[in-house]
Amino acid sequence: MALISLKSLGVIMSAPLFSNLDLTIAAGDRLGIVAANGRGKSTLLKCLAGAFEPTAGDITRSRGLLVGHVAQSVPDALLDRSFHDVVADALPAEQRDSEVWR
């Protein structure tokens, strides 16, 4: 069963970054994205996380799926904190104790 499906996904900024992308990601899949700088890798990941709207196409996510995204540039406010603490603070309070280990 697919966790995320992309159909004819595309993003155009000043020029097309990518277009007509079809992709299905299932549980247990590993994905590597390789391309030159400025070709849309980070934009694609932002689209998968729901932080950026594609110009064309559709993204379907499984019900209840949460997608995390770590920006390339770490905000200054987070530089003096551990990754574990930042993730723990991002979780809803009722899930923190049971899910922070993930």
C-alpha atoms as a PDB file:
ATOM      1  CA  MET A   1       0.000   0.000   0.000  1.00  0.00           C
ATOM      2  CA  ALA A   2       1.359   3.411  -0.948  1.00  0.00           C
ATOM      3  CA  LEU A   3       2.113   5.932   1.764  1.00  0.00           C
ATOM      4  CA  ILE A   4       2.560   8.725  -0.780  1.00  0.00           C
ATOM      5  CA  SER A   5       1.700   8.804  -4.479  1.00  0.00           C
ATOM      6  CA  LEU A   6       2.682  11.533  -6.920  1.00  0.00           C
ATOM      7  CA  LYS A   7       0.931  11.842 -10.250  1.00  0.00           C
ATOM      8  CA  SER A   8       2.174  14.212 -12.973  1.00  0.00           C
ATOM      9  CA  LEU A   9       3.788  16.405 -10.308  1.00  0.00           C
ATOM     10  CA  GLY A  10       5.557  19.534 -11.473  1.00  0.00           C
ATOM     11  CA  VAL A  11       7.022  22.738 -10.103  1.00  0.00           C
ATOM     12  CA  ILE A  12       7.829  25.790 -12.170  1.00  0.00           C
ATOM     13  CA  MET A  13       9.586  28.767 -10.644  1.00  0.00           C
ATOM     14  CA  SER A  14      11.573  30.982 -12.997  1.00  0.00           C
ATOM     15  CA  ALA A  15      12.088  27.789 -15.011  1.00  0.00           C
ATOM     16  CA  PRO A  16      10.724  24.244 -14.665  1.00  0.00           C
ATOM     17  CA  LEU A  17      12.409  22.383 -11.787  1.00  0.00           C
ATOM     18  CA  PHE A  18      10.675  19.115 -12.607  1.00  0.00           C
ATOM     19  CA  SER A  19       7.557  18.003 -14.460  1.00  0.00           C
ATOM     20  CA  ASN A  20       5.368  14.942 -15.036  1.00  0.00           C
ATOM     21  CA  LEU A  21       6.835  13.162 -12.015  1.00  0.00           C
ATOM     22  CA  ASP A  22       5.040   9.938 -11.120  1.00  0.00           C
ATOM     23  CA  LEU A  23       6.210   8.211  -7.948  1.00  0.00           C
ATOM     24  CA  THR A  24       4.840   5.835  -5.339  1.00  0.00           C
ATOM     25  CA  ILE A  25       6.460   5.420  -1.936  1.00  0.00           C
ATOM     26  CA  ALA A  26       5.397   2.397   0.103  1.00  0.00           C
ATOM     27  CA  ALA A  27       6.165   1.429   3.679  1.00  0.00           C
ATOM     28  CA  GLY A  28       9.792   0.318   3.969  1.00  0.00           C
ATOM     29  CA  ASP A  29      10.881   2.033   0.761  1.00  0.00           C
ATOM     30  CA  ARG A  30      14.083   4.053   0.721  1.00  0.00           C
ATOM     31  CA  LEU A  31      14.421   6.963  -1.663  1.00  0.00           C
ATOM     32  CA  GLY A  32      17.563   8.641  -2.926  1.00  0.00           C
ATOM     33  CA  ILE A  33      17.357  11.876  -4.887  1.00  0.00           C
ATOM     34  CA  VAL A  34      20.414  12.803  -6.920  1.00  0.00           C
ATOM     35  CA  ALA A  35      20.682  15.874  -9.149  1.00  0.00           C
ATOM     36  CA  ALA A  36      22.814  18.961  -9.645  1.00  0.00           C
ATOM     37  CA  ASN A  37      22.338  22.020  -7.448  1.00  0.00           C
ATOM     38  CA  GLY A  38      19.187  24.008  -8.143  1.00  0.00           C
ATOM     39  CA  ARG A  39      17.323  21.183  -9.847  1.00  0.00           C
ATOM     40  CA  GLY A  40      14.465  20.873  -7.339  1.00  0.00           C
ATOM     41  CA  LYS A  41      15.518  18.201  -4.829  1.00  0.00           C
ATOM     42  CA  SER A  42      14.676  20.293  -1.766  1.00  0.00           C
ATOM     43  CA  THR A  43      11.527  21.612  -3.416  1.00  0.00           C
ATOM     44  CA  LEU A  44      10.357  18.052  -4.074  1.00  0.00           C
ATOM     45  CA  LEU A  45      10.949  17.128  -0.426  1.00  0.00           C
ATOM     46  CA  LYS A  46       9.006  20.226   0.669  1.00  0.00           C
ATOM     47  CA  CYS A  47       6.145  19.139  -1.602  1.00  0.00           C
ATOM     48  CA  LEU A  48       6.176  15.653  -0.037  1.00  0.00           C
ATOM     49  CA  ALA A  49       6.010  17.212   3.424  1.00  0.00           C
ATOM     50  CA  GLY A  50       3.167  19.541   2.442  1.00  0.00           C
ATOM     51  CA  ALA A  51       5.252  22.686   2.981  1.00  0.00           C
ATOM     52  CA  PHE A  52       5.195  23.701  -0.702  1.00  0.00           C
ATOM     53  CA  GLU A  53       2.407  23.519  -3.279  1.00  0.00           C
ATOM     54  CA  PRO A  54       3.374  22.058  -6.639  1.00  0.00           C
ATOM     55  CA  THR A  55       2.493  23.956  -9.792  1.00  0.00           C
ATOM     56  CA  ALA A  56       0.927  20.870 -11.401  1.00  0.00           C
ATOM     57  CA  GLY A  57      -0.127  17.357 -10.495  1.00  0.00           C
ATOM     58  CA  ASP A  58      -1.417  15.643  -7.401  1.00  0.00           C
ATOM     59  CA  ILE A  59       0.031  14.299  -4.169  1.00  0.00           C
ATOM     60  CA  THR A  60      -1.916  11.651  -2.283  1.00  0.00           C
ATOM     61  CA  ARG A  61      -0.882  10.782   1.267  1.00  0.00           C
ATOM     62  CA  SER A  62      -2.198   7.886   3.361  1.00  0.00           C
ATOM     63  CA  ARG A  63      -4.700   8.917   5.982  1.00  0.00           C
ATOM     64  CA  GLY A  64      -2.937   9.866   9.209  1.00  0.00           C
ATOM     65  CA  LEU A  65       0.506  10.006   7.598  1.00  0.00           C
ATOM     66  CA  LEU A  66       2.841  12.581   9.116  1.00  0.00           C
ATOM     67  CA  VAL A  67       5.793  13.682   7.012  1.00  0.00           C
ATOM     68  CA  GLY A  68       8.698  15.439   8.694  1.00  0.00           C
ATOM     69  CA  HIS A  69      11.116  17.729   6.933  1.00  0.00           C
ATOM     70  CA  VAL A  70      14.418  19.111   8.172  1.00  0.00           C
ATOM     71  CA  ALA A  71      15.468  22.253   6.334  1.00  0.00           C
ATOM     72  CA  GLN A  72      18.919  22.434   4.753  1.00  0.00           C
ATOM     73  CA  SER A  73      19.802  25.484   6.823  1.00  0.00           C
ATOM     74  CA  VAL A  74      19.260  25.015  10.517  1.00  0.00           C
ATOM     75  CA  PRO A  75      17.618  28.067  12.137  1.00  0.00           C
ATOM     76  CA  ASP A  76      19.948  29.890  14.531  1.00  0.00           C
ATOM     77  CA  ALA A  77      17.543  29.281  17.437  1.00  0.00           C
ATOM     78  CA  LEU A  78      18.117  25.518  17.092  1.00  0.00           C
ATOM     79  CA  LEU A  79      21.911  25.470  16.800  1.00  0.00           C
ATOM     80  CA  ASP A  80      22.505  25.125  20.541  1.00  0.00           C
ATOM     81  CA  ARG A  81      19.923  22.318  20.996  1.00  0.00           C
ATOM     82  CA  SER A  82      20.243  18.590  20.380  1.00  0.00           C
ATOM     83  CA  PHE A  83      18.333  16.981  17.535  1.00  0.00           C
ATOM     84  CA  HIS A  84      16.569  14.747  20.073  1.00  0.00           C
ATOM     85  CA  ASP A  85      15.288  17.745  22.070  1.00  0.00           C
ATOM     86  CA  VAL A  86      14.061  19.577  18.965  1.00  0.00           C
ATOM     87  CA  VAL A  87      12.156  16.497  17.765  1.00  0.00           C
ATOM     88  CA  ALA A  88      10.701  15.887  21.229  1.00  0.00           C
ATOM     89  CA  ASP A  89       9.441  19.476  21.395  1.00  0.00           C
ATOM     90  CA  ALA A  90       7.823  19.135  17.944  1.00  0.00           C
ATOM     91  CA  LEU A  91       5.730  16.125  18.990  1.00  0.00           C
ATOM     92  CA  PRO A  92       2.265  16.620  20.490  1.00  0.00           C
ATOM     93  CA  ALA A  93       2.474  16.365  24.277  1.00  0.00           C
ATOM     94  CA  GLU A  94       0.337  13.218  24.388  1.00  0.00           C
ATOM     95  CA  GLN A  95       2.743  11.408  22.020  1.00  0.00           C
ATOM     96  CA  ARG A  96       6.052  12.699  23.371  1.00  0.00           C
ATOM     97  CA  ASP A  97       6.813   9.937  25.885  1.00  0.00           C
ATOM     98  CA  SER A  98       5.786   7.068  23.634  1.00  0.00           C
ATOM     99  CA  GLU A  99       7.112   8.334  20.273  1.00  0.00           C
ATOM    100  CA  VAL A 100      10.267  10.361  20.933  1.00  0.00           C
ATOM    101  CA  TRP A 101      12.466   7.274  20.608  1.00  0.00           C
ATOM    102  CA  ARG A 102      11.586   7.015  16.897  1.00  0.00           C
END
